[in-house]
């Protein structure tokens, strides 16, 4: 079952987000995204930055978070621990399908 993960980063802006994406090797067209991710969107909020991902499973996200994402934060510096909210995906339909 797929899951939505919302990550809120207080006080973080696009510059830090871009730095994290670069460290992860996900800042270029054709980047090799982690196994299990279905979609990724990000943008500014009134208090920082928000990332919303859809993953195939909680386990896939957990593996990415522990093995790839968390180790990048100290390299970038100034990254707070995000507030992570998870929810089961009830319905998903590609908007560009006819």
PDB file of N, CA and C in Angstrom:
ATOM      1  N   UNK A   1       0.832  -1.172   0.000  1.00  0.00           N
ATOM      2  CA  UNK A   1       0.000   0.000   0.000  1.00  0.00           C
ATOM      3  C   UNK A   1       0.885   1.247   0.000  1.00  0.00           C
ATOM      4  N   UNK A   2       0.541   2.203  -0.828  1.00  0.00           N
ATOM      5  CA  UNK A   2       1.308   3.443  -0.939  1.00  0.00           C
ATOM      6  C   UNK A   2       1.008   4.387   0.226  1.00  0.00           C
ATOM      7  N   UNK A   3       1.981   5.239   0.523  1.00  0.00           N
ATOM      8  CA  UNK A   3       1.867   6.213   1.603  1.00  0.00           C
ATOM      9  C   UNK A   3       2.305   7.589   1.131  1.00  0.00           C
ATOM     10  N   UNK A   4       1.633   8.609   1.669  1.00  0.00           N
ATOM     11  CA  UNK A   4       2.023  10.009   1.472  1.00  0.00           C
ATOM     12  C   UNK A   4       2.859  10.408   2.679  1.00  0.00           C
ATOM     13  N   UNK A   5       3.988  11.054   2.433  1.00  0.00           N
ATOM     14  CA  UNK A   5       4.812  11.591   3.512  1.00  0.00           C
ATOM     15  C   UNK A   5       4.969  13.086   3.298  1.00  0.00           C
ATOM     16  N   UNK A   6       4.507  13.857   4.288  1.00  0.00           N
ATOM     17  CA  UNK A   6       4.662  15.302   4.261  1.00  0.00           C
ATOM     18  C   UNK A   6       5.761  15.652   5.249  1.00  0.00           C
ATOM     19  N   UNK A   7       6.778  16.360   4.756  1.00  0.00           N
ATOM     20  CA  UNK A   7       7.898  16.771   5.606  1.00  0.00           C
ATOM     21  C   UNK A   7       7.950  18.293   5.645  1.00  0.00           C
ATOM     22  N   UNK A   8       7.811  18.835   6.849  1.00  0.00           N
ATOM     23  CA  UNK A   8       7.851  20.273   7.040  1.00  0.00           C
ATOM     24  C   UNK A   8       9.180  20.659   7.687  1.00  0.00           C
ATOM     25  N   UNK A   9       9.866  21.615   7.054  1.00  0.00           N
ATOM     26  CA  UNK A   9      11.169  22.081   7.512  1.00  0.00           C
ATOM     27  C   UNK A   9      11.059  23.548   7.915  1.00  0.00           C
ATOM     28  N   UNK A  10      10.889  23.840   9.203  1.00  0.00           N
ATOM     29  CA  UNK A  10      10.766  25.229   9.631  1.00  0.00           C
ATOM     30  C   UNK A  10      12.063  26.004   9.406  1.00  0.00           C
ATOM     31  N   UNK A  11      11.913  27.227   8.895  1.00  0.00           N
ATOM     32  CA  UNK A  11      13.070  28.100   8.705  1.00  0.00           C
ATOM     33  C   UNK A  11      13.962  27.739   7.537  1.00  0.00           C
ATOM     34  N   UNK A  12      13.565  26.788   6.722  1.00  0.00           N
ATOM     35  CA  UNK A  12      14.368  26.346   5.582  1.00  0.00           C
ATOM     36  C   UNK A  12      13.799  26.968   4.309  1.00  0.00           C
ATOM     37  N   UNK A  13      14.685  27.359   3.401  1.00  0.00           N
ATOM     38  CA  UNK A  13      14.272  27.923   2.125  1.00  0.00           C
ATOM     39  C   UNK A  13      14.759  27.087   0.954  1.00  0.00           C
ATOM     40  N   UNK A  14      14.550  27.605  -0.221  1.00  0.00           N
ATOM     41  CA  UNK A  14      14.896  26.883  -1.447  1.00  0.00           C
ATOM     42  C   UNK A  14      16.385  26.579  -1.531  1.00  0.00           C
ATOM     43  N   UNK A  15      17.221  27.473  -1.032  1.00  0.00           N
ATOM     44  CA  UNK A  15      18.674  27.262  -1.104  1.00  0.00           C
ATOM     45  C   UNK A  15      19.080  25.972  -0.392  1.00  0.00           C
ATOM     46  N   UNK A  16      18.558  25.746   0.805  1.00  0.00           N
ATOM     47  CA  UNK A  16      18.882  24.519   1.554  1.00  0.00           C
ATOM     48  C   UNK A  16      18.280  23.290   0.860  1.00  0.00           C
ATOM     49  N   UNK A  17      17.043  23.437   0.372  1.00  0.00           N
ATOM     50  CA  UNK A  17      16.417  22.329  -0.355  1.00  0.00           C
ATOM     51  C   UNK A  17      17.276  21.944  -1.557  1.00  0.00           C
ATOM     52  N   UNK A  18      17.693  22.945  -2.331  1.00  0.00           N
ATOM     53  CA  UNK A  18      18.528  22.678  -3.506  1.00  0.00           C
ATOM     54  C   UNK A  18      19.838  22.005  -3.114  1.00  0.00           C
ATOM     55  N   UNK A  19      20.421  22.426  -1.983  1.00  0.00           N
ATOM     56  CA  UNK A  19      21.676  21.823  -1.519  1.00  0.00           C
ATOM     57  C   UNK A  19      21.472  20.358  -1.146  1.00  0.00           C
ATOM     58  N   UNK A  20      20.371  20.048  -0.489  1.00  0.00           N
ATOM     59  CA  UNK A  20      20.065  18.656  -0.131  1.00  0.00           C
ATOM     60  C   UNK A  20      19.883  17.824  -1.399  1.00  0.00           C
ATOM     61  N   UNK A  21      19.113  18.351  -2.343  1.00  0.00           N
ATOM     62  CA  UNK A  21      18.881  17.622  -3.591  1.00  0.00           C
ATOM     63  C   UNK A  21      20.193  17.372  -4.340  1.00  0.00           C
ATOM     64  N   UNK A  22      21.083  18.351  -4.316  1.00  0.00           N
ATOM     65  CA  UNK A  22      22.388  18.188  -4.974  1.00  0.00           C
ATOM     66  C   UNK A  22      23.201  17.090  -4.287  1.00  0.00           C
ATOM     67  N   UNK A  23      23.238  17.104  -2.952  1.00  0.00           N
ATOM     68  CA  UNK A  23      23.974  16.071  -2.204  1.00  0.00           C
ATOM     69  C   UNK A  23      23.414  14.675  -2.464  1.00  0.00           C
ATOM     70  N   UNK A  24      22.099  14.600  -2.658  1.00  0.00           N
ATOM     71  CA  UNK A  24      21.458  13.313  -2.942  1.00  0.00           C
ATOM     72  C   UNK A  24      21.632  12.885  -4.402  1.00  0.00           C
ATOM     73  N   UNK A  25      22.124  13.799  -5.240  1.00  0.00           N
ATOM     74  CA  UNK A  25      22.276  13.503  -6.661  1.00  0.00           C
ATOM     75  C   UNK A  25      20.954  13.547  -7.414  1.00  0.00           C
ATOM     76  N   UNK A  26      19.989  14.302  -6.878  1.00  0.00           N
ATOM     77  CA  UNK A  26      18.657  14.368  -7.474  1.00  0.00           C
ATOM     78  C   UNK A  26      18.366  15.737  -8.083  1.00  0.00           C
ATOM     79  N   UNK A  27      19.399  16.480  -8.363  1.00  0.00           N
ATOM     80  CA  UNK A  27      19.241  17.853  -8.858  1.00  0.00           C
ATOM     81  C   UNK A  27      19.354  17.970 -10.376  1.00  0.00           C
ATOM     82  N   UNK A  28      19.437  16.843 -11.056  1.00  0.00           N
ATOM     83  CA  UNK A  28      19.622  16.892 -12.514  1.00  0.00           C
ATOM     84  C   UNK A  28      18.546  16.069 -13.209  1.00  0.00           C
ATOM     85  N   UNK A  29      18.234  16.479 -14.417  1.00  0.00           N
ATOM     86  CA  UNK A  29      17.320  15.697 -15.241  1.00  0.00           C
ATOM     87  C   UNK A  29      17.939  14.321 -15.456  1.00  0.00           C
ATOM     88  N   UNK A  30      17.127  13.298 -15.362  1.00  0.00           N
ATOM     89  CA  UNK A  30      17.621  11.939 -15.541  1.00  0.00           C
ATOM     90  C   UNK A  30      18.243  11.347 -14.295  1.00  0.00           C
ATOM     91  N   UNK A  31      18.106  12.018 -13.142  1.00  0.00           N
ATOM     92  CA  UNK A  31      18.669  11.504 -11.891  1.00  0.00           C
ATOM     93  C   UNK A  31      18.033  10.160 -11.535  1.00  0.00           C
ATOM     94  N   UNK A  32      18.798   9.340 -10.850  1.00  0.00           N
ATOM     95  CA  UNK A  32      18.301   8.034 -10.415  1.00  0.00           C
ATOM     96  C   UNK A  32      17.656   8.210  -9.039  1.00  0.00           C
ATOM     97  N   UNK A  33      16.331   8.225  -9.023  1.00  0.00           N
ATOM     98  CA  UNK A  33      15.581   8.412  -7.792  1.00  0.00           C
ATOM     99  C   UNK A  33      15.589   7.119  -6.980  1.00  0.00           C
ATOM    100  N   UNK A  34      15.408   7.231  -5.667  1.00  0.00           N
ATOM    101  CA  UNK A  34      15.444   6.035  -4.815  1.00  0.00           C
ATOM    102  C   UNK A  34      14.344   5.041  -5.171  1.00  0.00           C
ATOM    103  N   UNK A  35      14.651   3.786  -4.952  1.00  0.00           N
ATOM    104  CA  UNK A  35      13.683   2.732  -5.202  1.00  0.00           C
ATOM    105  C   UNK A  35      12.475   2.936  -4.282  1.00  0.00           C
ATOM    106  N   UNK A  36      11.293   2.893  -4.875  1.00  0.00           N
ATOM    107  CA  UNK A  36      10.072   2.967  -4.094  1.00  0.00           C
ATOM    108  C   UNK A  36       9.371   4.308  -4.105  1.00  0.00           C
ATOM    109  N   UNK A  37      10.032   5.373  -4.603  1.00  0.00           N
ATOM    110  CA  UNK A  37       9.362   6.672  -4.634  1.00  0.00           C
ATOM    111  C   UNK A  37       8.480   6.747  -5.878  1.00  0.00           C
ATOM    112  N   UNK A  38       7.268   7.274  -5.695  1.00  0.00           N
ATOM    113  CA  UNK A  38       6.318   7.389  -6.794  1.00  0.00           C
ATOM    114  C   UNK A  38       6.170   8.830  -7.271  1.00  0.00           C
ATOM    115  N   UNK A  39       6.251   9.786  -6.339  1.00  0.00           N
ATOM    116  CA  UNK A  39       6.194  11.197  -6.736  1.00  0.00           C
ATOM    117  C   UNK A  39       6.836  12.064  -5.661  1.00  0.00           C
ATOM    118  N   UNK A  40       7.262  13.255  -6.075  1.00  0.00           N
ATOM    119  CA  UNK A  40       7.952  14.194  -5.184  1.00  0.00           C
ATOM    120  C   UNK A  40       7.597  15.604  -5.610  1.00  0.00           C
ATOM    121  N   UNK A  41       7.123  16.405  -4.672  1.00  0.00           N
ATOM    122  CA  UNK A  41       6.881  17.826  -4.913  1.00  0.00           C
ATOM    123  C   UNK A  41       7.383  18.591  -3.697  1.00  0.00           C
ATOM    124  N   UNK A  42       7.777  19.838  -3.910  1.00  0.00           N
ATOM    125  CA  UNK A  42       8.293  20.650  -2.817  1.00  0.00           C
ATOM    126  C   UNK A  42       8.028  22.118  -3.094  1.00  0.00           C
ATOM    127  N   UNK A  43       7.937  22.887  -2.016  1.00  0.00           N
ATOM    128  CA  UNK A  43       7.737  24.315  -2.189  1.00  0.00           C
ATOM    129  C   UNK A  43       7.746  25.057  -0.869  1.00  0.00           C
ATOM    130  N   UNK A  44       7.783  26.394  -0.980  1.00  0.00           N
ATOM    131  CA  UNK A  44       7.845  27.223   0.220  1.00  0.00           C
ATOM    132  C   UNK A  44       6.504  27.285   0.950  1.00  0.00           C
ATOM    133  N   UNK A  45       6.580  27.471   2.257  1.00  0.00           N
ATOM    134  CA  UNK A  45       5.414  27.728   3.091  1.00  0.00           C
ATOM    135  C   UNK A  45       5.661  29.043   3.817  1.00  0.00           C
ATOM    136  N   UNK A  46       4.697  29.486   4.589  1.00  0.00           N
ATOM    137  CA  UNK A  46       4.875  30.745   5.314  1.00  0.00           C
ATOM    138  C   UNK A  46       5.973  30.643   6.366  1.00  0.00           C
ATOM    139  N   UNK A  47       6.274  29.414   6.824  1.00  0.00           N
ATOM    140  CA  UNK A  47       7.289  29.267   7.865  1.00  0.00           C
ATOM    141  C   UNK A  47       8.513  28.476   7.470  1.00  0.00           C
ATOM    142  N   UNK A  48       8.646  28.108   6.201  1.00  0.00           N
ATOM    143  CA  UNK A  48       9.806  27.315   5.804  1.00  0.00           C
ATOM    144  C   UNK A  48       9.606  26.622   4.481  1.00  0.00           C
ATOM    145  N   UNK A  49       9.812  25.302   4.475  1.00  0.00           N
ATOM    146  CA  UNK A  49       9.766  24.524   3.244  1.00  0.00           C
ATOM    147  C   UNK A  49       8.984  23.245   3.503  1.00  0.00           C
ATOM    148  N   UNK A  50       8.254  22.786   2.497  1.00  0.00           N
ATOM    149  CA  UNK A  50       7.454  21.567   2.621  1.00  0.00           C
ATOM    150  C   UNK A  50       7.759  20.638   1.453  1.00  0.00           C
ATOM    151  N   UNK A  51       7.929  19.365   1.769  1.00  0.00           N
ATOM    152  CA  UNK A  51       8.142  18.325   0.761  1.00  0.00           C
ATOM    153  C   UNK A  51       7.025  17.305   0.926  1.00  0.00           C
ATOM    154  N   UNK A  52       6.406  16.921  -0.182  1.00  0.00           N
ATOM    155  CA  UNK A  52       5.365  15.898  -0.156  1.00  0.00           C
ATOM    156  C   UNK A  52       5.779  14.799  -1.136  1.00  0.00           C
ATOM    157  N   UNK A  53       5.968  13.612  -0.596  1.00  0.00           N
ATOM    158  CA  UNK A  53       6.349  12.449  -1.394  1.00  0.00           C
ATOM    159  C   UNK A  53       5.266  11.387  -1.308  1.00  0.00           C
ATOM    160  N   UNK A  54       5.161  10.596  -2.356  1.00  0.00           N
ATOM    161  CA  UNK A  54       4.352   9.377  -2.317  1.00  0.00           C
ATOM    162  C   UNK A  54       5.328   8.224  -2.526  1.00  0.00           C
ATOM    163  N   UNK A  55       5.270   7.257  -1.619  1.00  0.00           N
ATOM    164  CA  UNK A  55       6.150   6.093  -1.646  1.00  0.00           C
ATOM    165  C   UNK A  55       5.330   4.819  -1.732  1.00  0.00           C
ATOM    166  N   UNK A  56       5.919   3.784  -2.305  1.00  0.00           N
ATOM    167  CA  UNK A  56       5.254   2.489  -2.423  1.00  0.00           C
ATOM    168  C   UNK A  56       4.899   1.898  -1.061  1.00  0.00           C
ATOM    169  N   UNK A  57       5.739   2.201  -0.050  1.00  0.00           N
ATOM    170  CA  UNK A  57       5.506   1.638   1.281  1.00  0.00           C
ATOM    171  C   UNK A  57       6.203   2.488   2.335  1.00  0.00           C
ATOM    172  N   UNK A  58       5.789   2.288   3.581  1.00  0.00           N
ATOM    173  CA  UNK A  58       6.473   2.954   4.697  1.00  0.00           C
ATOM    174  C   UNK A  58       7.917   2.478   4.791  1.00  0.00           C
ATOM    175  N   UNK A  59       8.134   1.202   4.530  1.00  0.00           N
ATOM    176  CA  UNK A  59       9.488   0.642   4.623  1.00  0.00           C
ATOM    177  C   UNK A  59      10.432   1.285   3.610  1.00  0.00           C
ATOM    178  N   UNK A  60       9.948   1.513   2.396  1.00  0.00           N
ATOM    179  CA  UNK A  60      10.791   2.133   1.364  1.00  0.00           C
ATOM    180  C   UNK A  60      11.186   3.551   1.780  1.00  0.00           C
ATOM    181  N   UNK A  61      10.227   4.314   2.296  1.00  0.00           N
ATOM    182  CA  UNK A  61      10.546   5.663   2.770  1.00  0.00           C
ATOM    183  C   UNK A  61      11.510   5.607   3.944  1.00  0.00           C
ATOM    184  N   UNK A  62      11.248   4.719   4.898  1.00  0.00           N
ATOM    185  CA  UNK A  62      12.109   4.602   6.070  1.00  0.00           C
ATOM    186  C   UNK A  62      13.552   4.286   5.705  1.00  0.00           C
ATOM    187  N   UNK A  63      13.744   3.406   4.755  1.00  0.00           N
ATOM    188  CA  UNK A  63      15.092   3.051   4.303  1.00  0.00           C
ATOM    189  C   UNK A  63      15.778   4.263   3.683  1.00  0.00           C
ATOM    190  N   UNK A  64      15.063   4.978   2.828  1.00  0.00           N
ATOM    191  CA  UNK A  64      15.623   6.184   2.211  1.00  0.00           C
ATOM    192  C   UNK A  64      15.958   7.227   3.272  1.00  0.00           C
ATOM    193  N   UNK A  65      15.056   7.433   4.204  1.00  0.00           N
ATOM    194  CA  UNK A  65      15.263   8.449   5.230  1.00  0.00           C
ATOM    195  C   UNK A  65      16.509   8.149   6.061  1.00  0.00           C
ATOM    196  N   UNK A  66      16.669   6.918   6.481  1.00  0.00           N
ATOM    197  CA  UNK A  66      17.797   6.551   7.345  1.00  0.00           C
ATOM    198  C   UNK A  66      19.122   6.452   6.595  1.00  0.00           C
ATOM    199  N   UNK A  67      19.096   5.842   5.411  1.00  0.00           N
ATOM    200  CA  UNK A  67      20.345   5.560   4.690  1.00  0.00           C
ATOM    201  C   UNK A  67      20.825   6.714   3.814  1.00  0.00           C
ATOM    202  N   UNK A  68      19.901   7.559   3.309  1.00  0.00           N
ATOM    203  CA  UNK A  68      20.305   8.590   2.362  1.00  0.00           C
ATOM    204  C   UNK A  68      20.005  10.008   2.839  1.00  0.00           C
ATOM    205  N   UNK A  69      18.778  10.249   3.291  1.00  0.00           N
ATOM    206  CA  UNK A  69      18.380  11.617   3.612  1.00  0.00           C
ATOM    207  C   UNK A  69      19.047  12.161   4.875  1.00  0.00           C
ATOM    208  N   UNK A  70      18.909  11.472   5.988  1.00  0.00           N
ATOM    209  CA  UNK A  70      19.471  11.967   7.246  1.00  0.00           C
ATOM    210  C   UNK A  70      20.981  12.205   7.186  1.00  0.00           C
ATOM    211  N   UNK A  71      21.767  11.336   6.551  1.00  0.00           N
ATOM    212  CA  UNK A  71      23.210  11.587   6.481  1.00  0.00           C
ATOM    213  C   UNK A  71      23.589  12.850   5.696  1.00  0.00           C
ATOM    214  N   UNK A  72      22.701  13.340   4.849  1.00  0.00           N
ATOM    215  CA  UNK A  72      22.983  14.528   4.046  1.00  0.00           C
ATOM    216  C   UNK A  72      22.817  15.820   4.863  1.00  0.00           C
ATOM    217  N   UNK A  73      21.926  15.810   5.841  1.00  0.00           N
ATOM    218  CA  UNK A  73      21.638  17.030   6.601  1.00  0.00           C
ATOM    219  C   UNK A  73      22.876  17.669   7.226  1.00  0.00           C
ATOM    220  N   UNK A  74      23.749  16.909   7.901  1.00  0.00           N
ATOM    221  CA  UNK A  74      24.949  17.544   8.462  1.00  0.00           C
ATOM    222  C   UNK A  74      25.890  18.114   7.392  1.00  0.00           C
ATOM    223  N   UNK A  75      25.929  17.483   6.229  1.00  0.00           N
ATOM    224  CA  UNK A  75      26.777  17.975   5.142  1.00  0.00           C
ATOM    225  C   UNK A  75      26.301  19.336   4.654  1.00  0.00           C
ATOM    226  N   UNK A  76      24.981  19.526   4.597  1.00  0.00           N
ATOM    227  CA  UNK A  76      24.397  20.779   4.133  1.00  0.00           C
ATOM    228  C   UNK A  76      24.455  21.826   5.242  1.00  0.00           C
ATOM    229  N   UNK A  77      24.247  21.385   6.481  1.00  0.00           N
ATOM    230  CA  UNK A  77      24.270  22.280   7.629  1.00  0.00           C
ATOM    231  C   UNK A  77      22.992  23.086   7.767  1.00  0.00           C
ATOM    232  N   UNK A  78      22.611  23.344   8.999  1.00  0.00           N
ATOM    233  CA  UNK A  78      21.454  24.172   9.266  1.00  0.00           C
ATOM    234  C   UNK A  78      20.117  23.552   8.936  1.00  0.00           C
ATOM    235  N   UNK A  79      20.080  22.237   8.826  1.00  0.00           N
ATOM    236  CA  UNK A  79      18.819  21.557   8.515  1.00  0.00           C
ATOM    237  C   UNK A  79      18.174  21.055   9.807  1.00  0.00           C
ATOM    238  N   UNK A  80      16.988  21.570  10.125  1.00  0.00           N
ATOM    239  CA  UNK A  80      16.295  21.065  11.306  1.00  0.00           C
ATOM    240  C   UNK A  80      15.696  19.689  11.037  1.00  0.00           C
ATOM    241  N   UNK A  81      15.424  18.963  12.086  1.00  0.00           N
ATOM    242  CA  UNK A  81      14.715  17.688  11.937  1.00  0.00           C
ATOM    243  C   UNK A  81      13.310  18.017  11.433  1.00  0.00           C
ATOM    244  N   UNK A  82      12.877  17.420  10.335  1.00  0.00           N
ATOM    245  CA  UNK A  82      11.558  17.767   9.805  1.00  0.00           C
ATOM    246  C   UNK A  82      10.426  17.161  10.628  1.00  0.00           C
ATOM    247  N   UNK A  83       9.291  17.823  10.576  1.00  0.00           N
ATOM    248  CA  UNK A  83       8.065  17.238  11.111  1.00  0.00           C
ATOM    249  C   UNK A  83       7.528  16.371   9.988  1.00  0.00           C
ATOM    250  N   UNK A  84       7.441  15.067  10.220  1.00  0.00           N
ATOM    251  CA  UNK A  84       6.999  14.123   9.190  1.00  0.00           C
ATOM    252  C   UNK A  84       5.607  13.603   9.546  1.00  0.00           C
ATOM    253  N   UNK A  85       4.701  13.713   8.594  1.00  0.00           N
ATOM    254  CA  UNK A  85       3.351  13.179   8.747  1.00  0.00           C
ATOM    255  C   UNK A  85       3.133  12.148   7.647  1.00  0.00           C
ATOM    256  N   UNK A  86       2.602  10.997   8.028  1.00  0.00           N
ATOM    257  CA  UNK A  86       2.353   9.922   7.056  1.00  0.00           C
ATOM    258  C   UNK A  86       0.869   9.627   6.976  1.00  0.00           C
ATOM    259  N   UNK A  87       0.427   9.242   5.788  1.00  0.00           N
ATOM    260  CA  UNK A  87      -0.962   8.845   5.584  1.00  0.00           C
ATOM    261  C   UNK A  87      -1.018   7.801   4.479  1.00  0.00           C
ATOM    262  N   UNK A  88      -1.906   6.845   4.632  1.00  0.00           N
ATOM    263  CA  UNK A  88      -2.118   5.867   3.574  1.00  0.00           C
ATOM    264  C   UNK A  88      -2.754   6.569   2.388  1.00  0.00           C
ATOM    265  N   UNK A  89      -2.352   6.160   1.198  1.00  0.00           N
ATOM    266  CA  UNK A  89      -2.959   6.705  -0.013  1.00  0.00           C
ATOM    267  C   UNK A  89      -4.298   6.006  -0.211  1.00  0.00           C
ATOM    268  N   UNK A  90      -5.348   6.791  -0.278  1.00  0.00           N
ATOM    269  CA  UNK A  90      -6.688   6.252  -0.507  1.00  0.00           C
ATOM    270  C   UNK A  90      -6.954   6.118  -1.994  1.00  0.00           C
ATOM    271  N   UNK A  91      -6.542   7.134  -2.760  1.00  0.00           N
ATOM    272  CA  UNK A  91      -6.843   7.157  -4.184  1.00  0.00           C
ATOM    273  C   UNK A  91      -5.709   7.859  -4.913  1.00  0.00           C
ATOM    274  N   UNK A  92      -5.326   7.305  -6.021  1.00  0.00           N
ATOM    275  CA  UNK A  92      -4.296   7.928  -6.846  1.00  0.00           C
ATOM    276  C   UNK A  92      -4.639   7.696  -8.307  1.00  0.00           C
ATOM    277  N   UNK A  93      -4.650   8.774  -9.068  1.00  0.00           N
ATOM    278  CA  UNK A  93      -4.916   8.668 -10.486  1.00  0.00           C
ATOM    279  C   UNK A  93      -4.081   9.706 -11.217  1.00  0.00           C
ATOM    280  N   UNK A  94      -3.266   9.308 -12.155  1.00  0.00           N
ATOM    281  CA  UNK A  94      -2.444  10.287 -12.876  1.00  0.00           C
ATOM    282  C   UNK A  94      -3.322  11.329 -13.579  1.00  0.00           C
ATOM    283  N   UNK A  95      -3.065  12.592 -13.310  1.00  0.00           N
ATOM    284  CA  UNK A  95      -3.880  13.678 -13.853  1.00  0.00           C
ATOM    285  C   UNK A  95      -3.765  13.783 -15.370  1.00  0.00           C
ATOM    286  N   UNK A  96      -2.651  13.322 -15.937  1.00  0.00           N
ATOM    287  CA  UNK A  96      -2.453  13.479 -17.377  1.00  0.00           C
ATOM    288  C   UNK A  96      -2.975  12.289 -18.203  1.00  0.00           C
ATOM    289  N   UNK A  97      -3.621  11.335 -17.564  1.00  0.00           N
ATOM    290  CA  UNK A  97      -4.189  10.176 -18.275  1.00  0.00           C
ATOM    291  C   UNK A  97      -5.592  10.515 -18.757  1.00  0.00           C
ATOM    292  N   UNK A  98      -5.949   9.996 -19.912  1.00  0.00           N
ATOM    293  CA  UNK A  98      -7.297  10.240 -20.450  1.00  0.00           C
ATOM    294  C   UNK A  98      -8.202   9.074 -20.162  1.00  0.00           C
TER     295      UNK A  98
END
